[in-house]
Amino acid sequence: MIRKGDEVTIKPEWRDRGDEEFTWMACDDEEKGRVTIAPVNTGLAIPPRQTVSVDMLKQNAEHQSRCKASPECSCSALNRGTK
């Protein structure tokens, strides 16, 4: 289950050109097989969001184990609503 703040990767077969360059975070909890994601390293004041099927994503477990809401991590800012 994908939770708000989880780092995810868009599977290659679902990516648009350039998607692999971004760090993608879940903006909310997975619901009914879908989740809203946003790239956090765009440099934009308001990052674009998109709602996708969870089948299109891979959850980055290694990030979750080392992050644990570290203040330096971009997903911490997303959880606080500052990104």
Protein backbone atom coordinates (compact mmCIF):
# COMPACT_ATOMS: atom_id res chain seq x y z
CA MET A 1 0.00 0.00 0.00
CA ILE A 2 1.34 3.40 -0.96
CA ARG A 3 1.11 6.09 1.72
CA LYS A 4 1.48 9.86 1.59
CA GLY A 5 5.17 10.76 1.40
CA ASP A 6 6.28 7.42 -0.08
CA GLU A 7 8.84 7.71 -2.86
CA VAL A 8 7.72 5.91 -6.00
CA THR A 9 9.04 5.26 -9.49
CA ILE A 10 6.88 5.20 -12.60
CA LYS A 11 7.38 1.86 -14.34
CA PRO A 12 9.22 2.18 -17.69
CA GLU A 13 6.22 1.14 -19.77
CA TRP A 14 4.15 4.02 -18.31
CA ARG A 15 6.76 6.81 -18.32
CA ASP A 16 6.74 9.90 -20.45
CA ARG A 17 10.12 11.02 -21.73
CA GLY A 18 12.03 12.63 -18.85
CA ASP A 19 9.95 11.12 -16.01
CA GLU A 20 12.94 9.08 -14.85
CA GLU A 21 14.81 12.31 -14.02
CA PHE A 22 12.38 13.22 -11.23
CA THR A 23 11.90 12.00 -7.69
CA TRP A 24 8.20 11.14 -7.42
CA MET A 25 6.31 11.25 -4.12
CA ALA A 26 2.80 10.18 -3.18
CA CYS A 27 0.69 13.22 -2.29
CA ASP A 28 -1.94 11.17 -0.48
CA ASP A 29 -2.67 7.62 0.59
CA GLU A 30 -3.58 5.02 -2.01
CA GLU A 31 -7.33 4.72 -2.42
CA LYS A 32 -9.29 2.38 -4.69
CA GLY A 33 -6.11 1.39 -6.53
CA ARG A 34 -5.10 4.96 -7.37
CA VAL A 35 -2.79 7.55 -5.86
CA THR A 36 -1.84 11.16 -6.65
CA ILE A 37 1.88 11.68 -7.28
CA ALA A 38 4.06 14.72 -7.84
CA PRO A 39 7.72 15.25 -8.75
CA VAL A 40 9.52 17.00 -5.89
CA ASN A 41 12.73 18.10 -7.62
CA THR A 42 11.28 20.24 -10.42
CA GLY A 43 12.24 23.66 -9.11
CA LEU A 44 8.66 24.79 -9.71
CA ALA A 45 6.75 26.64 -6.98
CA ILE A 46 3.73 24.41 -7.61
CA PRO A 47 4.75 20.95 -8.80
CA PRO A 48 2.39 19.22 -11.25
CA ARG A 49 0.30 16.42 -9.79
CA GLN A 50 -1.25 13.44 -11.48
CA THR A 51 -3.49 10.65 -10.30
CA VAL A 52 -2.35 7.25 -11.52
CA SER A 53 -3.16 3.59 -11.02
CA VAL A 54 -0.84 1.96 -8.48
CA ASP A 55 -0.13 -0.71 -11.11
CA MET A 56 1.87 1.98 -12.94
CA LEU A 57 4.23 2.49 -9.98
CA LYS A 58 7.01 0.79 -8.08
CA GLN A 59 7.43 1.73 -4.42
CA ASN A 60 11.00 2.62 -3.47
CA ALA A 61 11.45 0.64 -0.25
CA GLU A 62 15.12 1.53 0.18
CA HIS A 63 14.19 5.20 0.44
CA GLN A 64 11.57 4.48 3.09
CA SER A 65 14.06 2.63 5.27
CA ARG A 66 16.68 5.40 5.27
CA CYS A 67 14.36 8.43 5.24
CA LYS A 68 12.11 8.03 8.28
CA ALA A 69 10.96 11.65 7.80
CA SER A 70 14.44 13.14 7.94
CA PRO A 71 14.23 16.98 7.78
CA GLU A 72 16.62 16.94 4.80
CA CYS A 73 14.41 14.61 2.78
CA SER A 74 12.03 16.10 0.23
CA CYS A 75 9.25 13.70 1.25
CA SER A 76 9.26 15.26 4.74
CA ALA A 77 8.46 18.61 3.17
CA LEU A 78 5.71 16.99 1.13
CA ASN A 79 4.18 15.50 4.28
CA ARG A 80 4.22 18.93 5.92
CA GLY A 81 2.59 20.42 2.83
CA THR A 82 5.52 22.74 2.05
CA LYS A 83 6.30 21.18 -1.34
